[in-house]
Amino acid sequence: MFHLPVIMDDSTLVDSFNAMMNDTIIIGRDSKIKFKHNQAPDSTIYHQVVRFLEESSGIEKGNISSEDLLSNLKKISYQNMENGKIENLGDMIRGKTAFINLFISKCFGCPVGERIKMMKETAGKCNDNEGEVFFLFGRGNEPQLIVEYAERNQLFGENIKLGIIQESEELSSEDYYRLFDFEINPRLFIVNKEGKLSLAERRRNQRKLDLDYLLSALK
């Protein structure tokens, strides 16, 4: 949740940076330009930001265990975009297979069409309350924009829940941020009927995520 100033530029700023439209520019603590690119993918920008932050702040690295990931997932509270109610994810996934897609934010131009298509097909195969697909967006997203995004991508439907994650005393900010992988948006988690985390999406296991794999999780 960034609150950033919007500068009305008369081209002076653009000229100073010798910038192009939509350039992403990272300036170091020494006031020198460290990175500038017009079409860098999100993952590249993320790695550059982390790289320059690490130089001065010593960010701690390390993987979070599956047990901790599952515990943090169950602590998520979200506002249901269909009925406006605040629901606890742990309560909503109990006793069923849950496909939880965590979006950092909506992105009208991002290539997520195939993922959304697979998720909707999976939702169509969920019956007798055996499974459910969740599309959950990060804190600070505007409800109206999420509804518009959902309508454009047809995210409303049977066995599908759409929500925006809310502040929660149960889930600390540190644990909340650790649920996201900024190279993967959305990031998929699958919790099986026994309540165990059977998948936490990472770069190394992305390729196996096809419709057959998702449907096999329902068995």
C-alpha atoms as a PDB file:
ATOM      1  CA  MET A   1       0.000   0.000   0.000  1.00  0.00           C
ATOM      2  CA  PHE A   2       2.069   2.861  -1.306  1.00  0.00           C
ATOM      3  CA  HIS A   3       0.991   6.476  -1.153  1.00  0.00           C
ATOM      4  CA  LEU A   4       3.042   8.211  -3.805  1.00  0.00           C
ATOM      5  CA  PRO A   5       3.045  11.775  -5.097  1.00  0.00           C
ATOM      6  CA  VAL A   6       1.910  12.432  -8.648  1.00  0.00           C
ATOM      7  CA  ILE A   7       4.070  15.068 -10.311  1.00  0.00           C
ATOM      8  CA  MET A   8       2.581  17.206 -13.071  1.00  0.00           C
ATOM      9  CA  ASP A   9       5.597  17.522 -15.339  1.00  0.00           C
ATOM     10  CA  ASP A  10       6.028  20.119 -18.058  1.00  0.00           C
ATOM     11  CA  SER A  11       8.718  17.847 -19.599  1.00  0.00           C
ATOM     12  CA  THR A  12      11.477  19.295 -17.398  1.00  0.00           C
ATOM     13  CA  LEU A  13      11.624  16.142 -15.266  1.00  0.00           C
ATOM     14  CA  VAL A  14      11.487  13.804 -18.256  1.00  0.00           C
ATOM     15  CA  ASP A  15      14.278  15.741 -19.948  1.00  0.00           C
ATOM     16  CA  SER A  16      16.400  15.680 -16.786  1.00  0.00           C
ATOM     17  CA  PHE A  17      16.284  11.894 -16.718  1.00  0.00           C
ATOM     18  CA  ASN A  18      16.409  11.550 -20.498  1.00  0.00           C
ATOM     19  CA  ALA A  19      13.362   9.374 -19.919  1.00  0.00           C
ATOM     20  CA  MET A  20      10.777   7.747 -22.137  1.00  0.00           C
ATOM     21  CA  MET A  21       7.089   7.303 -21.421  1.00  0.00           C
ATOM     22  CA  ASN A  22       6.514   4.609 -18.764  1.00  0.00           C
ATOM     23  CA  ASP A  23      10.185   4.387 -17.765  1.00  0.00           C
ATOM     24  CA  THR A  24      10.827   2.803 -14.376  1.00  0.00           C
ATOM     25  CA  ILE A  25      13.743   4.574 -12.702  1.00  0.00           C
ATOM     26  CA  ILE A  26      15.459   3.524  -9.471  1.00  0.00           C
ATOM     27  CA  ILE A  27      17.639   6.116  -7.735  1.00  0.00           C
ATOM     28  CA  GLY A  28      20.129   4.954  -5.121  1.00  0.00           C
ATOM     29  CA  ARG A  29      20.874   6.537  -1.766  1.00  0.00           C
ATOM     30  CA  ASP A  30      23.872   8.176  -3.439  1.00  0.00           C
ATOM     31  CA  SER A  31      21.417  10.069  -5.710  1.00  0.00           C
ATOM     32  CA  LYS A  32      22.658   8.235  -8.794  1.00  0.00           C
ATOM     33  CA  ILE A  33      20.414   6.388 -11.256  1.00  0.00           C
ATOM     34  CA  LYS A  34      20.801   2.665 -10.610  1.00  0.00           C
ATOM     35  CA  PHE A  35      18.202   1.334 -13.026  1.00  0.00           C
ATOM     36  CA  LYS A  36      16.128   2.690 -15.908  1.00  0.00           C
ATOM     37  CA  HIS A  37      14.012   0.672 -18.297  1.00  0.00           C
ATOM     38  CA  ASN A  38      10.921   1.173 -20.399  1.00  0.00           C
ATOM     39  CA  GLN A  39       9.632  -2.389 -20.737  1.00  0.00           C
ATOM     40  CA  ALA A  40      11.169  -4.385 -17.901  1.00  0.00           C
ATOM     41  CA  PRO A  41       8.930  -7.209 -16.613  1.00  0.00           C
ATOM     42  CA  ASP A  42       7.705  -6.999 -13.024  1.00  0.00           C
ATOM     43  CA  SER A  43      10.086  -9.758 -11.905  1.00  0.00           C
ATOM     44  CA  THR A  44      13.113  -7.808 -13.163  1.00  0.00           C
ATOM     45  CA  ILE A  45      11.997  -4.619 -11.422  1.00  0.00           C
ATOM     46  CA  TYR A  46      11.381  -6.565  -8.228  1.00  0.00           C
ATOM     47  CA  HIS A  47      14.862  -8.118  -8.253  1.00  0.00           C
ATOM     48  CA  GLN A  48      16.452  -4.746  -8.898  1.00  0.00           C
ATOM     49  CA  VAL A  49      14.558  -3.128  -6.017  1.00  0.00           C
ATOM     50  CA  VAL A  50      15.524  -5.955  -3.648  1.00  0.00           C
ATOM     51  CA  ARG A  51      19.122  -5.804  -4.841  1.00  0.00           C
ATOM     52  CA  PHE A  52      19.504  -2.106  -4.057  1.00  0.00           C
ATOM     53  CA  LEU A  53      17.606  -2.356  -0.778  1.00  0.00           C
ATOM     54  CA  GLU A  54      19.840  -5.199   0.354  1.00  0.00           C
ATOM     55  CA  GLU A  55      22.920  -3.074  -0.208  1.00  0.00           C
ATOM     56  CA  SER A  56      21.917  -0.764   2.612  1.00  0.00           C
ATOM     57  CA  SER A  57      19.338  -2.495   4.792  1.00  0.00           C
ATOM     58  CA  GLY A  58      20.401  -6.139   4.990  1.00  0.00           C
ATOM     59  CA  ILE A  59      17.033  -7.706   4.193  1.00  0.00           C
ATOM     60  CA  GLU A  60      16.676 -11.129   5.784  1.00  0.00           C
ATOM     61  CA  LYS A  61      16.244 -14.024   3.381  1.00  0.00           C
ATOM     62  CA  GLY A  62      14.863 -17.469   3.940  1.00  0.00           C
ATOM     63  CA  ASN A  63      12.003 -19.728   2.957  1.00  0.00           C
ATOM     64  CA  ILE A  64       8.869 -20.068   5.009  1.00  0.00           C
ATOM     65  CA  SER A  65       7.738 -23.604   5.863  1.00  0.00           C
ATOM     66  CA  SER A  66       4.571 -25.162   4.458  1.00  0.00           C
ATOM     67  CA  GLU A  67       3.143 -25.335   7.961  1.00  0.00           C
ATOM     68  CA  ASP A  68       3.633 -21.618   8.512  1.00  0.00           C
ATOM     69  CA  LEU A  69       2.256 -20.778   5.069  1.00  0.00           C
ATOM     70  CA  LEU A  70      -0.881 -22.788   5.775  1.00  0.00           C
ATOM     71  CA  SER A  71      -1.276 -21.241   9.203  1.00  0.00           C
ATOM     72  CA  ASN A  72      -1.003 -17.748   7.724  1.00  0.00           C
ATOM     73  CA  LEU A  73      -3.444 -18.539   4.923  1.00  0.00           C
ATOM     74  CA  LYS A  74      -6.048 -19.640   7.435  1.00  0.00           C
ATOM     75  CA  LYS A  75      -5.692 -16.331   9.284  1.00  0.00           C
ATOM     76  CA  ILE A  76      -6.677 -14.283   6.234  1.00  0.00           C
ATOM     77  CA  SER A  77      -9.815 -12.190   6.564  1.00  0.00           C
ATOM     78  CA  TYR A  78     -11.316 -10.844   3.355  1.00  0.00           C
ATOM     79  CA  GLN A  79     -14.293  -8.812   2.251  1.00  0.00           C
ATOM     80  CA  ASN A  80     -16.547 -10.882   0.027  1.00  0.00           C
ATOM     81  CA  MET A  81     -17.241  -8.758  -3.065  1.00  0.00           C
ATOM     82  CA  GLU A  82     -20.634 -10.377  -3.660  1.00  0.00           C
ATOM     83  CA  ASN A  83     -22.232  -9.804  -0.268  1.00  0.00           C
ATOM     84  CA  GLY A  84     -19.896  -7.319   1.435  1.00  0.00           C
ATOM     85  CA  LYS A  85     -19.347  -9.604   4.434  1.00  0.00           C
ATOM     86  CA  ILE A  86     -15.986 -10.116   6.155  1.00  0.00           C
ATOM     87  CA  GLU A  87     -15.117 -13.805   6.049  1.00  0.00           C
ATOM     88  CA  ASN A  88     -12.277 -15.866   7.489  1.00  0.00           C
ATOM     89  CA  LEU A  89     -10.511 -18.002   4.900  1.00  0.00           C
ATOM     90  CA  GLY A  90      -9.784 -20.773   7.396  1.00  0.00           C
ATOM     91  CA  ASP A  91     -13.504 -21.189   8.068  1.00  0.00           C
ATOM     92  CA  MET A  92     -14.439 -21.093   4.389  1.00  0.00           C
ATOM     93  CA  ILE A  93     -12.003 -23.804   3.245  1.00  0.00           C
ATOM     94  CA  ARG A  94     -12.648 -26.328   5.999  1.00  0.00           C
ATOM     95  CA  GLY A  95     -13.497 -29.794   4.650  1.00  0.00           C
ATOM     96  CA  LYS A  96     -13.050 -28.948   0.961  1.00  0.00           C
ATOM     97  CA  THR A  97     -10.340 -28.586  -1.639  1.00  0.00           C
ATOM     98  CA  ALA A  98      -9.500 -24.893  -1.937  1.00  0.00           C
ATOM     99  CA  PHE A  99      -7.725 -23.228  -4.857  1.00  0.00           C
ATOM    100  CA  ILE A 100      -6.532 -19.893  -3.466  1.00  0.00           C
ATOM    101  CA  ASN A 101      -5.247 -17.324  -5.945  1.00  0.00           C
ATOM    102  CA  LEU A 102      -3.528 -14.355  -4.269  1.00  0.00           C
ATOM    103  CA  PHE A 103      -3.328 -11.250  -6.462  1.00  0.00           C
ATOM    104  CA  ILE A 104      -1.098  -8.370  -5.418  1.00  0.00           C
ATOM    105  CA  SER A 105      -3.449  -6.099  -7.341  1.00  0.00           C
ATOM    106  CA  LYS A 106      -5.592  -6.099 -10.463  1.00  0.00           C
ATOM    107  CA  CYS A 107      -3.788  -5.622 -13.745  1.00  0.00           C
ATOM    108  CA  PHE A 108      -5.845  -5.163 -16.893  1.00  0.00           C
ATOM    109  CA  GLY A 109      -2.844  -5.747 -19.144  1.00  0.00           C
ATOM    110  CA  CYS A 110      -1.230  -8.696 -17.340  1.00  0.00           C
ATOM    111  CA  PRO A 111      -1.156 -12.095 -19.117  1.00  0.00           C
ATOM    112  CA  VAL A 112      -3.311 -14.009 -16.614  1.00  0.00           C
ATOM    113  CA  GLY A 113      -6.070 -15.057 -19.014  1.00  0.00           C
ATOM    114  CA  GLU A 114      -4.981 -18.690 -19.228  1.00  0.00           C
ATOM    115  CA  ARG A 115      -4.709 -18.985 -15.441  1.00  0.00           C
ATOM    116  CA  ILE A 116      -8.175 -17.488 -14.938  1.00  0.00           C
ATOM    117  CA  LYS A 117      -9.607 -19.803 -17.611  1.00  0.00           C
ATOM    118  CA  MET A 118      -8.154 -22.863 -15.868  1.00  0.00           C
ATOM    119  CA  MET A 119      -9.465 -21.706 -12.509  1.00  0.00           C
ATOM    120  CA  LYS A 120     -12.986 -21.191 -13.863  1.00  0.00           C
ATOM    121  CA  GLU A 121     -12.946 -24.634 -15.509  1.00  0.00           C
ATOM    122  CA  THR A 122     -11.792 -26.114 -12.212  1.00  0.00           C
ATOM    123  CA  ALA A 123     -14.593 -24.318 -10.367  1.00  0.00           C
ATOM    124  CA  GLY A 124     -17.044 -25.847 -12.825  1.00  0.00           C
ATOM    125  CA  LYS A 125     -15.864 -29.322 -11.811  1.00  0.00           C
ATOM    126  CA  CYS A 126     -16.307 -28.651  -8.086  1.00  0.00           C
ATOM    127  CA  ASN A 127     -19.580 -30.143  -6.901  1.00  0.00           C
ATOM    128  CA  ASP A 128     -21.321 -31.116  -3.668  1.00  0.00           C
ATOM    129  CA  ASN A 129     -19.243 -28.504  -1.782  1.00  0.00           C
ATOM    130  CA  GLU A 130     -16.100 -30.546  -2.447  1.00  0.00           C
ATOM    131  CA  GLY A 131     -14.069 -27.650  -3.784  1.00  0.00           C
ATOM    132  CA  GLU A 132     -13.963 -23.896  -4.243  1.00  0.00           C
ATOM    133  CA  VAL A 133     -11.849 -21.356  -6.100  1.00  0.00           C
ATOM    134  CA  PHE A 134     -10.813 -18.120  -4.370  1.00  0.00           C
ATOM    135  CA  PHE A 135      -9.640 -14.947  -6.079  1.00  0.00           C
ATOM    136  CA  LEU A 136      -8.253 -12.778  -3.276  1.00  0.00           C
ATOM    137  CA  PHE A 137      -6.682  -9.361  -3.834  1.00  0.00           C
ATOM    138  CA  GLY A 138      -4.158  -7.691  -1.541  1.00  0.00           C
ATOM    139  CA  ARG A 139      -4.918  -5.093   1.083  1.00  0.00           C
ATOM    140  CA  GLY A 140      -5.548  -1.567  -0.115  1.00  0.00           C
ATOM    141  CA  ASN A 141      -7.167  -2.431  -3.443  1.00  0.00           C
ATOM    142  CA  GLU A 142     -10.246  -0.358  -4.265  1.00  0.00           C
ATOM    143  CA  PRO A 143     -13.432  -2.506  -4.209  1.00  0.00           C
ATOM    144  CA  GLN A 144     -14.946  -0.818  -7.275  1.00  0.00           C
ATOM    145  CA  LEU A 145     -11.816  -1.433  -9.345  1.00  0.00           C
ATOM    146  CA  ILE A 146     -11.740  -5.078  -8.271  1.00  0.00           C
ATOM    147  CA  VAL A 147     -15.407  -5.498  -9.204  1.00  0.00           C
ATOM    148  CA  GLU A 148     -14.715  -3.964 -12.627  1.00  0.00           C
ATOM    149  CA  TYR A 149     -11.737  -6.303 -13.081  1.00  0.00           C
ATOM    150  CA  ALA A 150     -13.851  -9.284 -12.004  1.00  0.00           C
ATOM    151  CA  GLU A 151     -16.656  -8.385 -14.383  1.00  0.00           C
ATOM    152  CA  ARG A 152     -14.235  -7.997 -17.280  1.00  0.00           C
ATOM    153  CA  ASN A 153     -12.665 -11.381 -16.530  1.00  0.00           C
ATOM    154  CA  GLN A 154     -15.943 -13.031 -15.460  1.00  0.00           C
ATOM    155  CA  LEU A 155     -14.672 -14.003 -12.037  1.00  0.00           C
ATOM    156  CA  PHE A 156     -18.138 -14.307 -10.527  1.00  0.00           C
ATOM    157  CA  GLY A 157     -19.723 -17.737 -10.647  1.00  0.00           C
ATOM    158  CA  GLU A 158     -20.617 -20.935  -8.858  1.00  0.00           C
ATOM    159  CA  ASN A 159     -17.900 -22.288  -6.546  1.00  0.00           C
ATOM    160  CA  ILE A 160     -15.952 -19.034  -6.888  1.00  0.00           C
ATOM    161  CA  LYS A 161     -15.322 -16.472  -4.161  1.00  0.00           C
ATOM    162  CA  LEU A 162     -13.928 -13.013  -4.863  1.00  0.00           C
ATOM    163  CA  GLY A 163     -12.534 -10.836  -2.084  1.00  0.00           C
ATOM    164  CA  ILE A 164     -10.128  -8.172  -0.871  1.00  0.00           C
ATOM    165  CA  ILE A 165      -7.878  -9.081   2.061  1.00  0.00           C
ATOM    166  CA  GLN A 166      -8.461  -6.959   5.160  1.00  0.00           C
ATOM    167  CA  GLU A 167      -6.311  -5.867   8.088  1.00  0.00           C
ATOM    168  CA  SER A 168      -6.383  -8.515  10.813  1.00  0.00           C
ATOM    169  CA  GLU A 169      -5.011  -8.765  14.338  1.00  0.00           C
ATOM    170  CA  GLU A 170      -4.487 -12.494  13.778  1.00  0.00           C
ATOM    171  CA  LEU A 171      -2.254 -12.038  10.712  1.00  0.00           C
ATOM    172  CA  SER A 172       0.753  -9.783  11.220  1.00  0.00           C
ATOM    173  CA  SER A 173       1.974  -7.574   8.391  1.00  0.00           C
ATOM    174  CA  GLU A 174       5.210  -9.570   8.184  1.00  0.00           C
ATOM    175  CA  ASP A 175       3.359 -12.878   7.800  1.00  0.00           C
ATOM    176  CA  TYR A 176       0.915 -11.304   5.351  1.00  0.00           C
ATOM    177  CA  TYR A 177       3.678 -10.123   3.011  1.00  0.00           C
ATOM    178  CA  ARG A 178       5.414 -13.497   3.180  1.00  0.00           C
ATOM    179  CA  LEU A 179       2.382 -15.089   1.521  1.00  0.00           C
ATOM    180  CA  PHE A 180       3.182 -13.267  -1.705  1.00  0.00           C
ATOM    181  CA  ASP A 181       5.889 -14.033  -4.224  1.00  0.00           C
ATOM    182  CA  PHE A 182       6.506 -10.870  -6.200  1.00  0.00           C
ATOM    183  CA  GLU A 183       7.685 -12.869  -9.218  1.00  0.00           C
ATOM    184  CA  ILE A 184       4.311 -14.600  -9.396  1.00  0.00           C
ATOM    185  CA  ASN A 185       1.036 -12.702  -9.625  1.00  0.00           C
ATOM    186  CA  PRO A 186      -1.351 -14.286  -8.956  1.00  0.00           C
ATOM    187  CA  ARG A 187       0.187 -16.924  -6.700  1.00  0.00           C
ATOM    188  CA  LEU A 188      -1.722 -20.175  -6.272  1.00  0.00           C
ATOM    189  CA  PHE A 189      -2.106 -22.245  -3.109  1.00  0.00           C
ATOM    190  CA  ILE A 190      -4.017 -25.539  -2.992  1.00  0.00           C
ATOM    191  CA  VAL A 191      -5.323 -26.829   0.321  1.00  0.00           C
ATOM    192  CA  ASN A 192      -6.742 -30.368   0.175  1.00  0.00           C
ATOM    193  CA  LYS A 193      -9.821 -31.786   1.897  1.00  0.00           C
ATOM    194  CA  GLU A 194      -7.704 -32.988   4.810  1.00  0.00           C
ATOM    195  CA  GLY A 195      -6.659 -29.405   5.455  1.00  0.00           C
ATOM    196  CA  LYS A 196      -3.070 -29.825   4.273  1.00  0.00           C
ATOM    197  CA  LEU A 197      -1.207 -27.514   1.923  1.00  0.00           C
ATOM    198  CA  SER A 198      -0.597 -29.589  -1.206  1.00  0.00           C
ATOM    199  CA  LEU A 199       0.793 -26.753  -3.340  1.00  0.00           C
ATOM    200  CA  ALA A 200       2.465 -23.394  -2.790  1.00  0.00           C
ATOM    201  CA  GLU A 201       3.254 -21.971  -6.214  1.00  0.00           C
ATOM    202  CA  ARG A 202       6.871 -21.074  -6.895  1.00  0.00           C
ATOM    203  CA  ARG A 203       8.899 -20.534 -10.040  1.00  0.00           C
ATOM    204  CA  ARG A 204      10.225 -24.064  -9.964  1.00  0.00           C
ATOM    205  CA  ASN A 205       6.798 -25.753  -9.885  1.00  0.00           C
ATOM    206  CA  GLN A 206       4.854 -23.386 -12.159  1.00  0.00           C
ATOM    207  CA  ARG A 207       5.190 -25.501 -15.273  1.00  0.00           C
ATOM    208  CA  LYS A 208       3.192 -28.399 -13.877  1.00  0.00           C
ATOM    209  CA  LEU A 209       0.139 -26.228 -13.230  1.00  0.00           C
ATOM    210  CA  ASP A 210      -2.188 -27.260 -16.028  1.00  0.00           C
ATOM    211  CA  LEU A 211      -5.885 -28.170 -15.958  1.00  0.00           C
ATOM    212  CA  ASP A 212      -5.198 -31.895 -15.458  1.00  0.00           C
ATOM    213  CA  TYR A 213      -3.067 -31.129 -12.408  1.00  0.00           C
ATOM    214  CA  LEU A 214      -5.747 -28.899 -10.913  1.00  0.00           C
ATOM    215  CA  LEU A 215      -8.504 -31.419 -11.492  1.00  0.00           C
ATOM    216  CA  SER A 216      -6.420 -34.207  -9.978  1.00  0.00           C
ATOM    217  CA  ALA A 217      -6.340 -32.193  -6.743  1.00  0.00           C
ATOM    218  CA  LEU A 218     -10.128 -32.650  -6.482  1.00  0.00           C
ATOM    219  CA  LYS A 219      -9.850 -36.459  -6.331  1.00  0.00           C
END
